[in-house]
Amino acid sequence: MNRIITFGTYDVLHIGHIKLLKRAKSLGSHLIVGVSSDELNRDKKGREPIYPLKSRLEIISSLKFVDEVFVEDSLDLKAEYITSHNADILVMGDDWEGRFDHLKKYCDVVYLPRTPSISTTEVIEIIKEKA
């Protein structure tokens, strides 16, 4: 069966994350999740994560459909992560459509639809407004 790899920050875990990870797992037998380091999150999103890396790793690794987690330190190392984890399929949300097509020489690349009307940024804004 296929080994699936995906990446994300997974800060303020929400139903969109859960649905994407479950759909990713349905494509194979082993789901590997790269969780963005705090430094990478600052670089790509311009803000500190709400939860520190250690907590995010524990949250993601506790999900019954996740088989393996590791720290993603750089967006530029995806090919190395795919190779070192022997991944057959890279799964990303369709908001990244086309951005990882260059990795098709290492594995299949699948973009799954995001859950409508939910994002971590939106959840954080709602919490701020209610506080």
C-alpha atoms as a PDB file:
ATOM      1  CA  MET A   1       0.000   0.000   0.000  1.00  0.00           C
ATOM      2  CA  ASN A   2       1.051   3.588  -0.502  1.00  0.00           C
ATOM      3  CA  ARG A   3       2.961   5.741   1.941  1.00  0.00           C
ATOM      4  CA  ILE A   4       1.409   9.211   2.069  1.00  0.00           C
ATOM      5  CA  ILE A   5       3.194  12.385   3.168  1.00  0.00           C
ATOM      6  CA  THR A   6       1.721  15.792   3.904  1.00  0.00           C
ATOM      7  CA  PHE A   7       2.839  18.980   5.598  1.00  0.00           C
ATOM      8  CA  GLY A   8       1.329  21.753   7.673  1.00  0.00           C
ATOM      9  CA  THR A   9       1.585  23.911  10.741  1.00  0.00           C
ATOM     10  CA  TYR A  10      -1.510  22.432  12.422  1.00  0.00           C
ATOM     11  CA  ASP A  11      -1.798  25.365  14.782  1.00  0.00           C
ATOM     12  CA  VAL A  12      -5.245  25.602  16.366  1.00  0.00           C
ATOM     13  CA  LEU A  13      -6.348  22.229  14.992  1.00  0.00           C
ATOM     14  CA  HIS A  14      -9.782  22.396  13.349  1.00  0.00           C
ATOM     15  CA  ILE A  15     -12.180  20.224  11.350  1.00  0.00           C
ATOM     16  CA  GLY A  16     -10.538  21.230   8.063  1.00  0.00           C
ATOM     17  CA  HIS A  17      -7.249  19.725   9.249  1.00  0.00           C
ATOM     18  CA  ILE A  18      -8.987  16.541  10.400  1.00  0.00           C
ATOM     19  CA  LYS A  19     -10.861  16.066   7.122  1.00  0.00           C
ATOM     20  CA  LEU A  20      -7.754  16.655   5.009  1.00  0.00           C
ATOM     21  CA  LEU A  21      -5.663  14.231   7.076  1.00  0.00           C
ATOM     22  CA  LYS A  22      -8.375  11.551   6.969  1.00  0.00           C
ATOM     23  CA  ARG A  23      -8.711  11.904   3.187  1.00  0.00           C
ATOM     24  CA  ALA A  24      -4.919  11.756   2.849  1.00  0.00           C
ATOM     25  CA  LYS A  25      -4.803   8.535   4.883  1.00  0.00           C
ATOM     26  CA  SER A  26      -7.530   7.009   2.701  1.00  0.00           C
ATOM     27  CA  LEU A  27      -5.060   7.109  -0.226  1.00  0.00           C
ATOM     28  CA  GLY A  28      -2.692   4.645   1.410  1.00  0.00           C
ATOM     29  CA  SER A  29      -1.749   2.577   4.409  1.00  0.00           C
ATOM     30  CA  HIS A  30       0.767   4.855   6.166  1.00  0.00           C
ATOM     31  CA  LEU A  31       0.316   8.592   6.778  1.00  0.00           C
ATOM     32  CA  ILE A  32       3.412  10.672   7.506  1.00  0.00           C
ATOM     33  CA  VAL A  33       2.903  14.271   8.635  1.00  0.00           C
ATOM     34  CA  GLY A  34       5.558  16.978   8.559  1.00  0.00           C
ATOM     35  CA  VAL A  35       4.752  19.626  11.158  1.00  0.00           C
ATOM     36  CA  SER A  36       6.262  23.058  10.502  1.00  0.00           C
ATOM     37  CA  SER A  37       8.819  24.189  13.058  1.00  0.00           C
ATOM     38  CA  ASP A  38       8.114  27.392  14.973  1.00  0.00           C
ATOM     39  CA  GLU A  39      10.817  29.139  12.921  1.00  0.00           C
ATOM     40  CA  LEU A  40       9.328  27.971   9.623  1.00  0.00           C
ATOM     41  CA  ASN A  41       5.885  29.154  10.749  1.00  0.00           C
ATOM     42  CA  ARG A  42       7.309  32.605  11.536  1.00  0.00           C
ATOM     43  CA  ASP A  43       8.984  32.720   8.117  1.00  0.00           C
ATOM     44  CA  LYS A  44       5.949  31.649   6.078  1.00  0.00           C
ATOM     45  CA  LYS A  45       3.128  33.258   8.086  1.00  0.00           C
ATOM     46  CA  GLY A  46       4.881  36.190   9.730  1.00  0.00           C
ATOM     47  CA  ARG A  47       3.654  35.298  13.205  1.00  0.00           C
ATOM     48  CA  GLU A  48       4.370  33.034  16.119  1.00  0.00           C
ATOM     49  CA  PRO A  49       2.298  29.862  16.242  1.00  0.00           C
ATOM     50  CA  ILE A  50      -0.352  29.792  18.979  1.00  0.00           C
ATOM     51  CA  TYR A  51       0.894  26.409  20.183  1.00  0.00           C
ATOM     52  CA  PRO A  52       4.612  25.568  20.348  1.00  0.00           C
ATOM     53  CA  LEU A  53       6.053  22.838  18.158  1.00  0.00           C
ATOM     54  CA  LYS A  54       6.190  20.240  20.925  1.00  0.00           C
ATOM     55  CA  SER A  55       2.456  20.600  21.558  1.00  0.00           C
ATOM     56  CA  ARG A  56       1.584  20.512  17.858  1.00  0.00           C
ATOM     57  CA  LEU A  57       3.657  17.345  17.364  1.00  0.00           C
ATOM     58  CA  GLU A  58       1.866  15.684  20.272  1.00  0.00           C
ATOM     59  CA  ILE A  59      -1.568  16.717  19.011  1.00  0.00           C
ATOM     60  CA  ILE A  60      -0.949  15.423  15.466  1.00  0.00           C
ATOM     61  CA  SER A  61       0.740  12.202  16.609  1.00  0.00           C
ATOM     62  CA  SER A  62      -2.255  11.422  18.843  1.00  0.00           C
ATOM     63  CA  LEU A  63      -4.632  11.210  15.869  1.00  0.00           C
ATOM     64  CA  LYS A  64      -5.478   7.561  15.162  1.00  0.00           C
ATOM     65  CA  PHE A  65      -5.073   7.939  11.389  1.00  0.00           C
ATOM     66  CA  VAL A  66      -1.573   9.487  11.625  1.00  0.00           C
ATOM     67  CA  ASP A  67       1.214   6.906  11.647  1.00  0.00           C
ATOM     68  CA  GLU A  68       4.319   9.073  11.828  1.00  0.00           C
ATOM     69  CA  VAL A  69       5.238  12.716  12.474  1.00  0.00           C
ATOM     70  CA  PHE A  70       8.413  14.706  11.986  1.00  0.00           C
ATOM     71  CA  VAL A  71       9.538  18.326  12.105  1.00  0.00           C
ATOM     72  CA  GLU A  72       9.572  20.247   8.826  1.00  0.00           C
ATOM     73  CA  ASP A  73      12.373  22.802   9.102  1.00  0.00           C
ATOM     74  CA  SER A  74      12.313  24.164   5.544  1.00  0.00           C
ATOM     75  CA  LEU A  75       9.876  24.447   2.639  1.00  0.00           C
ATOM     76  CA  ASP A  76      12.867  23.855   0.352  1.00  0.00           C
ATOM     77  CA  LEU A  77      13.527  20.337   1.703  1.00  0.00           C
ATOM     78  CA  LYS A  78      10.274  18.685   0.598  1.00  0.00           C
ATOM     79  CA  ALA A  79      12.066  16.454  -1.944  1.00  0.00           C
ATOM     80  CA  GLU A  80      14.444  15.268   0.786  1.00  0.00           C
ATOM     81  CA  TYR A  81      11.558  14.598   3.178  1.00  0.00           C
ATOM     82  CA  ILE A  82       9.685  12.648   0.485  1.00  0.00           C
ATOM     83  CA  THR A  83      12.767  10.563  -0.296  1.00  0.00           C
ATOM     84  CA  SER A  84      13.876   9.941   3.286  1.00  0.00           C
ATOM     85  CA  HIS A  85      10.365   8.822   4.297  1.00  0.00           C
ATOM     86  CA  ASN A  86       9.912   6.675   1.165  1.00  0.00           C
ATOM     87  CA  ALA A  87       6.662   8.464   0.353  1.00  0.00           C
ATOM     88  CA  ASP A  88       4.650   7.388  -2.682  1.00  0.00           C
ATOM     89  CA  ILE A  89       2.164  10.284  -2.647  1.00  0.00           C
ATOM     90  CA  LEU A  90       2.437  13.903  -1.509  1.00  0.00           C
ATOM     91  CA  VAL A  91      -0.929  15.314  -0.433  1.00  0.00           C
ATOM     92  CA  MET A  92      -1.558  19.038  -0.060  1.00  0.00           C
ATOM     93  CA  GLY A  93      -4.650  21.234   0.145  1.00  0.00           C
ATOM     94  CA  ASP A  94      -5.854  22.647  -3.161  1.00  0.00           C
ATOM     95  CA  ASP A  95      -4.894  26.144  -2.015  1.00  0.00           C
ATOM     96  CA  TRP A  96      -1.373  24.974  -2.980  1.00  0.00           C
ATOM     97  CA  GLU A  97      -2.526  23.713  -6.422  1.00  0.00           C
ATOM     98  CA  GLY A  98       0.418  23.511  -8.828  1.00  0.00           C
ATOM     99  CA  ARG A  99       3.011  24.739  -6.328  1.00  0.00           C
ATOM    100  CA  PHE A 100       4.446  21.256  -5.766  1.00  0.00           C
ATOM    101  CA  ASP A 101       4.155  19.802  -9.269  1.00  0.00           C
ATOM    102  CA  HIS A 102       7.960  19.882  -9.544  1.00  0.00           C
ATOM    103  CA  LEU A 103       8.009  17.061  -6.960  1.00  0.00           C
ATOM    104  CA  LYS A 104       6.226  14.643  -9.322  1.00  0.00           C
ATOM    105  CA  LYS A 105       9.625  13.190 -10.208  1.00  0.00           C
ATOM    106  CA  TYR A 106       9.824  11.853  -6.612  1.00  0.00           C
ATOM    107  CA  CYS A 107       6.215  10.753  -6.027  1.00  0.00           C
ATOM    108  CA  ASP A 108       2.632  11.337  -7.110  1.00  0.00           C
ATOM    109  CA  VAL A 109       1.273  14.739  -6.065  1.00  0.00           C
ATOM    110  CA  VAL A 110      -2.386  15.066  -5.081  1.00  0.00           C
ATOM    111  CA  TYR A 111      -4.181  18.296  -4.157  1.00  0.00           C
ATOM    112  CA  LEU A 112      -7.284  17.733  -2.054  1.00  0.00           C
ATOM    113  CA  PRO A 113     -10.110  20.260  -1.725  1.00  0.00           C
ATOM    114  CA  ARG A 114     -10.048  22.302   1.452  1.00  0.00           C
ATOM    115  CA  THR A 115     -13.020  22.318   3.786  1.00  0.00           C
ATOM    116  CA  PRO A 116     -15.008  25.432   2.836  1.00  0.00           C
ATOM    117  CA  SER A 117     -15.309  28.387   5.207  1.00  0.00           C
ATOM    118  CA  ILE A 118     -12.623  27.353   7.696  1.00  0.00           C
ATOM    119  CA  SER A 119      -9.001  28.301   8.145  1.00  0.00           C
ATOM    120  CA  THR A 120      -6.663  28.683  11.089  1.00  0.00           C
ATOM    121  CA  THR A 121      -6.389  32.407  10.420  1.00  0.00           C
ATOM    122  CA  GLU A 122     -10.179  32.708  10.487  1.00  0.00           C
ATOM    123  CA  VAL A 123     -10.426  30.738  13.751  1.00  0.00           C
ATOM    124  CA  ILE A 124      -7.773  32.949  15.381  1.00  0.00           C
ATOM    125  CA  GLU A 125      -9.616  36.112  14.262  1.00  0.00           C
ATOM    126  CA  ILE A 126     -12.924  34.846  15.676  1.00  0.00           C
ATOM    127  CA  ILE A 127     -11.254  34.060  19.013  1.00  0.00           C
ATOM    128  CA  LYS A 128      -9.632  37.513  19.112  1.00  0.00           C
ATOM    129  CA  GLU A 129     -12.966  39.220  18.399  1.00  0.00           C
ATOM    130  CA  LYS A 130     -14.694  37.333  21.210  1.00  0.00           C
ATOM    131  CA  ALA A 131     -11.917  37.986  23.729  1.00  0.00           C
END
